[in-house]
Protein backbone atom coordinates (compact mmCIF):
# COMPACT_ATOMS: atom_id res chain seq x y z
CA UNK A 1 -20.51 36.08 89.35
CA UNK A 2 -21.84 37.09 92.78
CA UNK A 3 -25.44 37.93 93.63
CA UNK A 4 -27.50 38.80 96.70
CA UNK A 5 -28.52 36.14 99.19
CA UNK A 6 -32.12 35.24 99.94
CA UNK A 7 -35.24 35.17 97.76
CA UNK A 8 -36.03 37.81 95.13
CA UNK A 9 -38.22 39.88 97.49
CA UNK A 10 -35.20 40.23 99.81
CA UNK A 11 -33.82 42.66 97.21
CA UNK A 12 -36.64 45.03 98.14
CA UNK A 13 -36.33 44.43 101.88
CA UNK A 14 -32.60 45.13 101.73
CA UNK A 15 -33.12 48.37 99.77
CA UNK A 16 -35.78 49.51 102.25
CA UNK A 17 -33.48 48.93 105.22
CA UNK A 18 -30.56 50.75 103.61
CA UNK A 19 -32.49 53.64 102.01
CA UNK A 20 -36.00 53.83 103.53
CA UNK A 21 -36.74 57.41 102.44
CA UNK A 22 -35.33 57.14 98.92
CA UNK A 23 -37.89 57.33 96.12
CA UNK A 24 -38.30 53.86 94.67
CA UNK A 25 -40.84 54.66 91.95
CA UNK A 26 -42.02 57.98 90.54
CA UNK A 27 -45.01 58.16 88.18
CA UNK A 28 -46.46 61.55 87.31
CA UNK A 29 -46.90 63.38 90.60
CA UNK A 30 -46.96 60.16 92.63
CA UNK A 31 -43.90 58.95 94.53
CA UNK A 32 -43.40 55.87 96.67
CA UNK A 33 -40.40 55.41 98.94
CA UNK A 34 -38.54 52.16 99.41
CA UNK A 35 -39.93 51.84 102.95
CA UNK A 36 -43.50 52.33 101.71
CA UNK A 37 -43.01 49.93 98.79
CA UNK A 38 -41.62 47.26 101.10
CA UNK A 39 -44.57 47.70 103.48
CA UNK A 40 -47.03 47.47 100.58
CA UNK A 41 -45.41 44.23 99.41
CA UNK A 42 -45.80 42.80 102.92
CA UNK A 43 -49.48 43.84 102.95
CA UNK A 44 -49.99 41.95 99.70
CA UNK A 45 -48.19 38.89 101.10
CA UNK A 46 -50.38 38.89 104.22
CA UNK A 47 -53.52 39.31 102.10
CA UNK A 48 -52.60 36.39 99.87
CA UNK A 49 -51.95 34.23 102.93
CA UNK A 50 -55.33 35.19 104.37
CA UNK A 51 -57.15 34.46 101.09
CA UNK A 52 -55.55 31.08 100.47
CA UNK A 53 -54.54 30.00 103.99
CA UNK A 54 -51.33 28.65 102.49
CA UNK A 55 -48.71 29.71 99.94
CA UNK A 56 -50.83 31.06 97.09
CA UNK A 57 -49.34 29.03 94.26
CA UNK A 58 -49.29 30.97 91.01
CA UNK A 59 -50.69 34.49 90.99
CA UNK A 60 -50.87 36.45 87.75
CA UNK A 61 -50.09 40.14 87.79
CA UNK A 62 -50.42 42.37 84.75
CA UNK A 63 -47.25 44.33 84.10
CA UNK A 64 -49.01 47.63 83.63
CA UNK A 65 -46.75 50.67 83.72
CA UNK A 66 -48.16 51.46 87.16
CA UNK A 67 -46.29 52.30 90.39
CA UNK A 68 -48.39 49.67 92.20
CA UNK A 69 -47.10 46.79 90.09
CA UNK A 70 -43.87 46.25 92.12
CA UNK A 71 -45.74 45.82 95.43
CA UNK A 72 -47.92 43.06 93.97
CA UNK A 73 -44.96 41.33 92.29
CA UNK A 74 -42.78 41.27 95.41
CA UNK A 75 -45.79 40.53 97.63
CA UNK A 76 -46.54 37.35 95.67
CA UNK A 77 -42.96 36.18 96.13
CA UNK A 78 -42.92 37.17 99.82
CA UNK A 79 -45.99 35.01 100.35
CA UNK A 80 -44.19 32.01 98.85
CA UNK A 81 -46.02 32.16 95.54
CA UNK A 82 -44.96 32.31 91.91
CA UNK A 83 -45.56 35.54 90.00
CA UNK A 84 -46.90 34.96 86.49
CA UNK A 85 -46.11 38.25 84.76
CA UNK A 86 -48.75 38.97 82.13
CA UNK A 87 -48.68 41.55 79.36
CA UNK A 88 -51.91 43.59 79.74
CA UNK A 89 -51.88 44.41 76.01
CA UNK A 90 -52.49 40.79 74.97
CA UNK A 91 -55.70 40.03 73.06
CA UNK A 92 -58.32 38.35 75.24
CA UNK A 93 -57.88 34.81 73.77
CA UNK A 94 -54.10 34.95 74.28
CA UNK A 95 -54.56 36.35 77.78
CA UNK A 96 -56.81 33.41 78.61
CA UNK A 97 -54.23 31.02 77.14
CA UNK A 98 -51.39 32.27 79.34
CA UNK A 99 -53.58 32.19 82.47
CA UNK A 100 -54.59 28.59 81.74
CA UNK A 101 -51.01 27.64 80.99
CA UNK A 102 -49.73 29.08 84.28
CA UNK A 103 -52.67 27.68 86.30
CA UNK A 104 -52.99 31.06 88.01
CA UNK A 105 -55.33 30.98 91.01
CA UNK A 106 -55.64 34.75 91.27
CA UNK A 107 -55.12 37.60 88.78
CA UNK A 108 -54.36 41.22 89.66
CA UNK A 109 -55.02 43.35 86.59
CA UNK A 110 -56.03 46.87 85.47
CA UNK A 111 -59.80 47.53 85.18
CA UNK A 112 -59.87 47.23 81.39
CA UNK A 113 -58.15 43.84 81.52
CA UNK A 114 -60.63 42.61 84.13
CA UNK A 115 -63.50 43.52 81.79
CA UNK A 116 -61.88 41.48 79.01
CA UNK A 117 -61.39 38.56 81.38
CA UNK A 118 -64.89 38.34 82.84
CA UNK A 119 -66.52 36.69 79.77
CA UNK A 120 -63.72 34.09 79.75
CA UNK A 121 -63.85 32.96 83.38
CA UNK A 122 -65.69 29.74 82.51
CA UNK A 123 -62.65 28.70 80.45
CA UNK A 124 -60.25 29.31 83.36
CA UNK A 125 -60.90 26.53 85.90
CA UNK A 126 -57.94 27.40 88.15
CA UNK A 127 -58.72 31.11 88.46
CA UNK A 128 -60.55 31.79 91.73
CA UNK A 129 -60.55 35.59 91.84
CA UNK A 130 -59.74 38.63 89.74
CA UNK A 131 -58.62 41.76 91.62
CA UNK A 132 -58.27 45.22 90.14
CA UNK A 133 -54.82 46.75 90.49
CA UNK A 134 -55.12 49.87 92.65
CA UNK A 135 -58.81 49.44 93.50
CA UNK A 136 -58.93 46.20 95.49
CA UNK A 137 -56.54 47.33 98.19
CA UNK A 138 -55.04 44.62 100.39
CA UNK A 139 -55.50 44.65 104.15
CA UNK A 140 -52.67 42.61 105.57
CA UNK A 141 -53.21 43.57 109.20
CA UNK A 142 -54.07 41.26 112.06
CA UNK A 143 -52.53 38.10 110.64
CA UNK A 144 -50.22 37.10 113.44
CA UNK A 145 -49.53 33.60 112.10
CA UNK A 146 -48.01 34.82 108.86
CA UNK A 147 -44.26 34.81 108.29
CA UNK A 148 -42.40 35.67 105.08
CA UNK A 149 -41.55 32.69 102.91
CA UNK A 150 -37.95 31.52 102.70
CA UNK A 151 -37.69 29.57 99.42
CA UNK A 152 -34.46 28.01 98.22
CA UNK A 153 -32.62 29.68 95.35
CA UNK A 154 -33.61 26.95 92.90
CA UNK A 155 -37.31 27.14 93.70
CA UNK A 156 -39.59 28.71 91.12
CA UNK A 157 -40.14 32.46 91.47
CA UNK A 158 -41.45 33.91 88.22
CA UNK A 159 -43.17 32.82 85.04
CA UNK A 160 -42.55 34.96 81.96
CA UNK A 161 -44.31 34.42 78.65
CA UNK A 162 -42.62 34.51 75.27
CA UNK A 163 -43.94 36.92 72.67
CA UNK A 164 -45.60 34.17 70.67
CA UNK A 165 -44.24 35.55 67.39
CA UNK A 166 -43.59 31.97 66.24
CA UNK A 167 -46.81 30.50 67.71
CA UNK A 168 -48.71 30.69 71.00
CA UNK A 169 -46.71 32.05 73.94
CA UNK A 170 -44.68 29.61 76.03
CA UNK A 171 -44.45 29.84 79.82
CA UNK A 172 -40.83 30.27 80.93
CA UNK A 173 -40.02 29.09 84.47
CA UNK A 174 -37.42 31.16 86.32
CA UNK A 175 -35.95 30.46 89.75
CA UNK A 176 -35.09 32.96 92.47
CA UNK A 177 -31.46 32.43 91.47
CA UNK A 178 -32.17 33.16 87.79
CA UNK A 179 -33.86 36.46 88.58
CA UNK A 180 -31.31 37.68 91.16
CA UNK A 181 -28.34 36.79 88.99
CA UNK A 182 -29.72 38.70 86.02
CA UNK A 183 -30.46 41.76 88.15
CA UNK A 184 -26.84 41.80 89.36
CA UNK A 185 -25.54 41.23 85.83
CA UNK A 186 -27.54 44.07 84.33
CA UNK A 187 -26.70 46.50 87.13
CA UNK A 188 -23.01 45.81 86.57
CA UNK A 189 -23.20 46.02 82.76
CA UNK A 190 -25.15 49.30 82.75
CA UNK A 191 -23.54 50.77 85.87
CA UNK A 192 -26.79 51.22 87.75
CA UNK A 193 -26.25 51.97 91.44
CA UNK A 194 -27.95 53.69 94.37
CA UNK A 195 -27.24 57.12 92.87
CA UNK A 196 -29.00 56.26 89.58
CA UNK A 197 -32.38 57.46 88.35
CA UNK A 198 -33.71 55.14 85.68
CA UNK A 199 -36.35 56.39 83.25
CA UNK A 200 -38.51 53.69 81.66
CA UNK A 201 -40.16 54.80 78.43
CA UNK A 202 -41.79 51.46 77.75
CA UNK A 203 -45.38 50.31 77.09
CA UNK A 204 -45.25 47.78 79.94
CA UNK A 205 -43.37 47.39 83.22
CA UNK A 206 -40.65 44.81 82.61
CA UNK A 207 -39.39 42.98 85.74
CA UNK A 208 -35.85 43.02 84.33
CA UNK A 209 -35.62 46.79 84.72
CA UNK A 210 -37.51 46.77 88.01
CA UNK A 211 -35.40 44.06 89.68
CA UNK A 212 -32.19 45.70 88.51
CA UNK A 213 -33.13 49.08 90.00
CA UNK A 214 -34.41 47.57 93.25
CA UNK A 215 -31.30 45.42 93.66
CA UNK A 216 -29.21 48.59 94.06
CA UNK A 217 -31.92 50.91 95.49
CA UNK A 218 -32.04 53.12 92.38
CA UNK A 219 -35.02 55.37 91.60
CA UNK A 220 -37.33 54.41 88.75
CA UNK A 221 -39.29 56.98 86.73
CA UNK A 222 -42.23 55.67 84.71
CA UNK A 223 -43.09 57.51 81.49
CA UNK A 224 -46.57 56.65 80.24
CA UNK A 225 -46.52 59.08 77.32
CA UNK A 226 -46.18 57.51 73.89
CA UNK A 227 -44.33 60.58 72.59
CA UNK A 228 -40.53 60.22 72.72
CA UNK A 229 -40.00 63.99 72.93
CA UNK A 230 -42.05 64.09 76.15
CA UNK A 231 -39.94 61.26 77.57
CA UNK A 232 -36.81 63.30 76.82
CA UNK A 233 -38.30 66.28 78.67
CA UNK A 234 -39.23 64.05 81.64
CA UNK A 235 -35.69 62.65 81.77
CA UNK A 236 -34.37 66.20 82.12
CA UNK A 237 -36.94 67.21 84.75
CA UNK A 238 -36.19 64.17 86.92
CA UNK A 239 -32.38 64.26 86.41
CA UNK A 240 -32.47 60.74 84.97
CA UNK A 241 -29.11 59.01 84.52
CA UNK A 242 -30.36 56.03 82.50
CA UNK A 243 -32.91 56.10 79.66
CA UNK A 244 -34.54 52.84 78.58
CA UNK A 245 -36.87 52.55 75.63
CA UNK A 246 -37.57 50.15 72.78
CA UNK A 247 -36.84 50.26 69.05
CA UNK A 248 -40.20 51.45 67.71
CA UNK A 249 -40.00 54.58 69.87
CA UNK A 250 -36.43 55.20 68.77
CA UNK A 251 -37.60 55.10 65.16
CA UNK A 252 -40.29 57.64 66.08
CA UNK A 253 -37.75 59.83 67.86
CA UNK A 254 -35.33 59.79 64.92
CA UNK A 255 -38.17 60.83 62.58
CA UNK A 256 -39.44 63.61 64.87
CA UNK A 257 -38.89 67.05 63.26
CA UNK A 258 -38.17 68.38 66.77
CA UNK A 259 -35.15 66.05 67.21
CA UNK A 260 -32.46 68.69 66.43
CA UNK A 261 -33.74 70.84 69.29
CA UNK A 262 -33.82 68.06 71.90
CA UNK A 263 -31.07 67.43 74.46
CA UNK A 264 -30.37 65.24 77.48
CA UNK A 265 -28.89 67.06 80.46
CA UNK A 266 -28.10 64.26 82.90
CA UNK A 267 -28.53 60.97 81.06
CA UNK A 268 -25.26 59.05 80.72
CA UNK A 269 -26.67 55.88 79.14
CA UNK A 270 -29.38 55.24 76.56
CA UNK A 271 -30.29 51.61 75.94
CA UNK A 272 -32.68 49.59 73.85
CA UNK A 273 -33.38 45.93 73.15
CA UNK A 274 -35.88 43.58 71.59
CA UNK A 275 -34.91 44.03 67.96
CA UNK A 276 -32.16 45.75 65.99
CA UNK A 277 -32.20 49.51 65.50
CA UNK A 278 -31.16 50.59 61.97
CA UNK A 279 -27.64 52.08 61.89
CA UNK A 280 -28.88 55.39 60.47
CA UNK A 281 -31.16 55.79 63.51
CA UNK A 282 -28.32 54.95 65.89
CA UNK A 283 -26.12 57.57 64.21
CA UNK A 284 -28.84 60.25 64.22
CA UNK A 285 -29.54 59.81 67.94
CA UNK A 286 -25.87 59.61 68.87
CA UNK A 287 -25.17 62.83 66.98
CA UNK A 288 -28.10 64.61 68.65
CA UNK A 289 -27.48 63.55 72.24
CA UNK A 290 -23.74 62.96 72.22
CA UNK A 291 -24.29 59.51 73.71
CA UNK A 292 -23.86 56.05 72.23
CA UNK A 293 -27.10 54.08 71.98
CA UNK A 294 -26.39 50.77 73.69
CA UNK A 295 -28.18 47.73 72.35
CA UNK A 296 -28.57 44.49 74.24
CA UNK A 297 -29.79 40.99 73.58
CA UNK A 298 -31.80 38.57 75.62
CA UNK A 299 -35.08 36.76 75.96
CA UNK A 300 -37.44 35.41 78.59
CA UNK A 301 -35.41 32.20 78.60
CA UNK A 302 -32.34 34.13 79.86
CA UNK A 303 -34.20 36.03 82.59
CA UNK A 304 -33.99 38.40 80.36
CA UNK A 305 -30.67 40.07 79.36
CA UNK A 306 -27.73 38.01 78.04
CA UNK A 307 -25.43 40.55 76.39
CA UNK A 308 -25.00 44.30 76.33
CA UNK A 309 -22.79 46.76 74.53
CA UNK A 310 -19.94 48.26 76.55
CA UNK A 311 -20.59 51.90 77.59
CA UNK A 312 -16.86 52.63 77.29
CA UNK A 313 -16.28 50.83 74.00
CA UNK A 314 -19.56 50.52 72.08
CA UNK A 315 -19.33 48.73 68.78
CA UNK A 316 -21.64 49.91 66.01
CA UNK A 317 -24.23 47.34 65.03
CA UNK A 318 -23.40 45.02 67.93
CA UNK A 319 -25.53 43.87 70.85
CA UNK A 320 -22.35 43.75 72.89
CA UNK A 321 -20.45 41.35 75.06
CA UNK A 322 -21.82 38.49 77.19
CA UNK A 323 -22.79 39.59 80.69
CA UNK A 324 -20.58 38.62 83.60
CA UNK A 325 -20.90 34.86 84.12
CA UNK A 326 -22.43 34.29 80.67
CA UNK A 327 -20.94 32.44 77.70
CA UNK A 328 -22.10 32.79 74.11
CA UNK A 329 -21.14 30.61 71.16
CA UNK A 330 -22.19 30.29 67.52
CA UNK A 331 -22.98 26.89 66.03
CA UNK A 332 -23.79 25.71 62.53
CA UNK A 333 -27.57 25.14 62.54
CA UNK A 334 -27.21 21.96 60.49
CA UNK A 335 -24.03 20.28 61.80
CA UNK A 336 -24.10 21.78 65.34
CA UNK A 337 -20.36 22.47 65.05
CA UNK A 338 -19.07 25.48 66.99
CA UNK A 339 -18.00 28.17 64.51
CA UNK A 340 -14.98 30.48 64.68
CA UNK A 341 -15.14 34.28 64.78
CA UNK A 342 -17.32 35.77 62.01
CA UNK A 343 -18.92 32.42 61.26
CA UNK A 344 -22.69 32.96 60.93
CA UNK A 345 -24.83 30.44 62.77
CA UNK A 346 -27.25 29.94 65.64
CA UNK A 347 -26.58 31.84 68.88
CA UNK A 348 -26.33 29.64 71.98
CA UNK A 349 -26.15 30.91 75.57
CA UNK A 350 -24.87 29.38 78.81
CA UNK A 351 -25.05 30.91 82.27
CA UNK A 352 -26.71 30.98 85.70
CA UNK A 353 -29.62 33.02 84.35
CA UNK A 354 -30.76 30.39 81.80
CA UNK A 355 -34.31 29.26 82.56
CA UNK A 356 -35.40 26.14 84.40
CA UNK A 357 -37.56 25.14 81.44
CA UNK A 358 -41.02 25.62 79.96
CA UNK A 359 -44.24 24.96 81.87
CA UNK A 360 -46.72 22.61 80.25
CA UNK A 361 -44.60 22.17 77.12
CA UNK A 362 -44.33 18.68 75.66
CA UNK A 363 -41.79 19.44 72.95
CA UNK A 364 -38.01 19.11 73.22
CA UNK A 365 -36.22 21.57 75.47
CA UNK A 366 -34.00 24.19 73.82
CA UNK A 367 -31.52 23.70 76.69
CA UNK A 368 -29.15 20.75 76.17
CA UNK A 369 -27.73 18.48 78.85
CA UNK A 370 -24.72 20.77 79.29
CA UNK A 371 -26.92 23.83 79.90
CA UNK A 372 -26.56 25.52 76.49
CA UNK A 373 -29.71 27.32 75.34
CA UNK A 374 -30.40 27.23 71.60
CA UNK A 375 -31.94 30.63 70.92
CA UNK A 376 -33.18 30.21 67.36
CA UNK A 377 -31.41 33.46 66.45
CA UNK A 378 -28.65 33.80 63.87
CA UNK A 379 -25.54 35.88 64.44
CA UNK A 380 -21.76 35.95 64.66
CA UNK A 381 -19.06 36.90 67.16
CA UNK A 382 -16.15 39.12 66.16
CA UNK A 383 -12.53 38.62 67.25
CA UNK A 384 -13.20 40.40 70.56
CA UNK A 385 -16.33 38.43 71.42
CA UNK A 386 -18.88 41.13 70.49
CA UNK A 387 -22.15 39.62 69.30
CA UNK A 388 -23.82 40.72 66.06
CA UNK A 389 -27.36 39.51 65.39
CA UNK A 390 -29.02 38.90 62.07
CA UNK A 391 -32.25 36.93 61.98
CA UNK A 392 -34.26 34.09 63.35
CA UNK A 393 -32.98 30.76 62.02
CA UNK A 394 -36.34 30.25 60.31
CA UNK A 395 -35.99 33.55 58.42
CA UNK A 396 -32.62 32.71 56.86
CA UNK A 397 -32.62 30.89 53.55
CA UNK A 398 -30.24 29.15 51.19
CA UNK A 399 -29.77 30.64 47.76
CA UNK A 400 -27.76 28.39 45.47
CA UNK A 401 -26.18 26.77 48.54
CA UNK A 402 -25.26 30.08 50.25
CA UNK A 403 -26.86 30.74 53.68
CA UNK A 404 -28.38 34.23 53.43
CA UNK A 405 -29.32 36.55 56.28
CA UNK A 406 -32.16 38.94 55.36
CA UNK A 407 -30.86 41.45 57.92
CA UNK A 408 -27.43 41.56 56.26
CA UNK A 409 -29.12 42.45 52.98
CA UNK A 410 -31.34 45.02 54.70
CA UNK A 411 -28.29 46.79 56.12
CA UNK A 412 -26.94 47.26 52.60
CA UNK A 413 -30.28 48.54 51.38
CA UNK A 414 -30.75 50.83 54.35
CA UNK A 415 -27.38 52.48 53.66
CA UNK A 416 -28.62 53.80 50.30
CA UNK A 417 -29.49 57.51 50.69
CA UNK A 418 -32.83 57.13 48.88
CA UNK A 419 -34.08 54.39 51.22
CA UNK A 420 -36.07 55.33 54.34
CA UNK A 421 -37.03 51.81 55.37
CA UNK A 422 -36.84 48.28 54.05
CA UNK A 423 -37.40 44.60 54.73
CA UNK A 424 -36.05 41.52 52.98
CA UNK A 425 -37.49 38.00 52.87
CA UNK A 426 -36.56 34.79 51.14
CA UNK A 427 -39.08 33.46 48.63
CA UNK A 428 -39.11 30.17 46.70
CA UNK A 429 -37.01 30.15 43.55
CA UNK A 430 -37.32 27.26 41.03
CA UNK A 431 -33.61 27.36 40.20
CA UNK A 432 -31.82 28.62 43.32
CA UNK A 433 -34.10 27.15 45.99
CA UNK A 434 -34.83 30.60 47.44
CA UNK A 435 -33.87 34.17 46.63
CA UNK A 436 -34.08 37.61 48.20
CA UNK A 437 -37.08 39.86 47.71
CA UNK A 438 -37.09 43.39 49.12
CA UNK A 439 -39.84 45.75 50.25
CA UNK A 440 -38.59 49.34 50.17
CA UNK A 441 -39.91 52.66 51.44
CA UNK A 442 -38.22 55.53 49.60
CA UNK A 443 -37.48 58.96 51.07
CA UNK A 444 -40.10 61.55 50.19
CA UNK A 445 -38.98 63.71 47.32
CA UNK A 446 -35.95 61.57 46.54
CA UNK A 447 -37.25 60.78 43.05
CA UNK A 448 -35.60 57.39 43.33
CA UNK A 449 -35.40 55.01 40.38
CA UNK A 450 -36.03 51.54 41.86
CA UNK A 451 -33.99 49.81 39.17
CA UNK A 452 -31.02 52.12 39.75
CA UNK A 453 -31.21 51.60 43.52
CA UNK A 454 -31.38 47.84 43.01
CA UNK A 455 -28.34 47.86 40.72
CA UNK A 456 -26.34 49.98 43.19
CA UNK A 457 -27.18 47.78 46.19
CA UNK A 458 -26.67 44.49 44.37
CA UNK A 459 -23.19 45.59 43.33
CA UNK A 460 -22.13 45.23 46.98
CA UNK A 461 -23.85 41.91 47.68
CA UNK A 462 -22.78 38.32 47.22
CA UNK A 463 -24.40 36.13 44.59
CA UNK A 464 -26.71 34.54 47.16
CA UNK A 465 -27.67 37.87 48.74
CA UNK A 466 -28.52 39.49 45.41
CA UNK A 467 -32.03 41.02 45.44
CA UNK A 468 -34.05 39.57 42.59
CA UNK A 469 -37.37 41.29 43.29
CA UNK A 470 -38.14 44.74 44.69
CA UNK A 471 -41.54 46.04 45.79
CA UNK A 472 -42.04 49.75 46.55
CA UNK A 473 -44.32 50.14 49.59
CA UNK A 474 -45.53 52.98 51.84
CA UNK A 475 -44.59 51.26 55.11
CA UNK A 476 -43.07 48.12 56.62
CA UNK A 477 -45.46 46.00 58.72
CA UNK A 478 -44.18 45.21 62.21
CA UNK A 479 -45.20 43.01 65.11
CA UNK A 480 -46.05 44.51 68.51
CA UNK A 481 -42.43 43.85 69.53
CA UNK A 482 -41.18 46.09 66.73
CA UNK A 483 -39.82 43.21 64.68
CA UNK A 484 -40.53 43.07 60.95
CA UNK A 485 -43.58 40.93 60.16
CA UNK A 486 -41.69 38.73 57.72
CA UNK A 487 -44.36 36.05 57.55
CA UNK A 488 -46.87 38.64 56.35
CA UNK A 489 -44.46 39.93 53.72
CA UNK A 490 -43.64 36.44 52.48
CA UNK A 491 -47.36 35.78 52.26
CA UNK A 492 -47.85 38.80 50.03
CA UNK A 493 -45.29 37.56 47.51
CA UNK A 494 -46.13 33.86 47.62
CA UNK A 495 -49.86 34.60 47.56
CA UNK A 496 -49.35 36.92 44.59
C-alpha cells in the first residue's frame, strides 16, 4: 500500500499546486477553489501561531457541513497542532466531555454550538478561546517567523470521537500516517480521482470523505437538505459521480412516494456506511437507479473505512472486501480461535490505518501486541473474503447453547411481505438462558395476522433463532447513528 509523502495538510498543498483553479468545495451558490482553500488553511495556521506563539496543541473544530470546515482542519495541522474533530450535534454535556478529554485549547464552532458552550466554560480548564466558524476570520498576514510544521508520519494528527453508543465517547488518536493511508485506500476502493465530483448528503462533514477527495483533487458538493429527493436533484445539477449518504436517509428515500420518478444522470457509485441497510431497501434503490448500493464498514479506530464492496462485483448483504493493505479475520469471542469461512465470531482488523490508541483511557486496549484491533462487532467472511456483519458482540445471545445473531433473525423477518420494519433482541429465558423477541412494524393495509407471520418466519429459523415473543409496534427506535436502539427495546420487555 502506497500513500502520499508529508503531513496530512500536504494533501491540500499538493492538490492546490496541481489544480489551483479547480473547485474544491461547492455549497449552495458558494465555491472555493483549491488555491483559495490552501491559502485559507495557511491563514488559519498563521493565526494559530500568532495566538499561541508555538504549535497550538489540540484545537477542536466542529465538523459542521460548512465549506469553511476544511480550511480550519488543515490549518490546525499546518500549524503543527492536533485537530480534535467534534460533532456539532452532540448534547452540551457530551460536547463538554469530549473537549475535556481532548484537552482542547481552542474551539472553532458554529454560533449555536458556541452558545451551548458558554455556560460550560468553567468546567473546561484547558479551553482558552472559542471562535465562531465563519465569523471570527483569521488574519495570518505579517507573521514572518512562521513556517509550516513538518511532523513525522507517526506523530499525532487527528482525534476522532466514538459515537458513545456503548457509553461515553472515547477519544481515538490517529497519526498523519493513519489518515493519509486511509484516504489513499478509500480513493482506490471507490475509484475517486481528479475527475470526480463527490456529493455528500450527510448531517456532518466527515474527514474521511474530505481527505479522500482532497488527496486526489476531486470536487466536493455539500448537500445540507435533509430531503433525499433534493439531494438526488443536486447530484444531477452538479454532475456528481459519487453519492455518499447514510442509512437513515436511504430508508427515507426508499419510502418516498416520488422514488419511481427519480433518476441519477451522472452518478456511477452510491455508497453508505455506519449500519446495515435492509436488503429490500437495497433492492428498491438499485432497481430505481440502475446502480448497486455499495456498503462499507469501518470505525474511528480504523481512520475510518476498513472494507468496502467491490463496484464491479458487489455482493448483496456484504460490506465488501478489506481495503488494500488491510487484513480482516473472524475469531471466536470466547476461545479467541480464528474461525474458517462462514464461522460467526468477532471481527478483527489489521492494517496501517489502525489507530494509535485511546486518549485518557485507562482500560485495556482493543489492539493486541500484534496490531489486531478487536472491533466488538460480529460477522463472518465468505469463501472469497467478503465480510458480512451481524451485530455487536454484546447484542448476540446464547439460546440453549446456540450463539444467535439478532440481525440474522431480522433478515428473515424483513423478507416477509407483510413486514415493513423489525428489530430483534435477546431477553432472559428461565429454561434456554435467552431467547429471541421481535418488534415488528407491519405494512399498512396488509391485514397481517401476527401469529401466522411468526409461524411462517420461524419455519425458516434454527431452534436457537426461533422467535418466542412478538410485539406489534408503530416504529423502531433508532440511535442518532441509525442503529437500532436495542437497549431501549430490551428495557421495554424486561421492564414489562
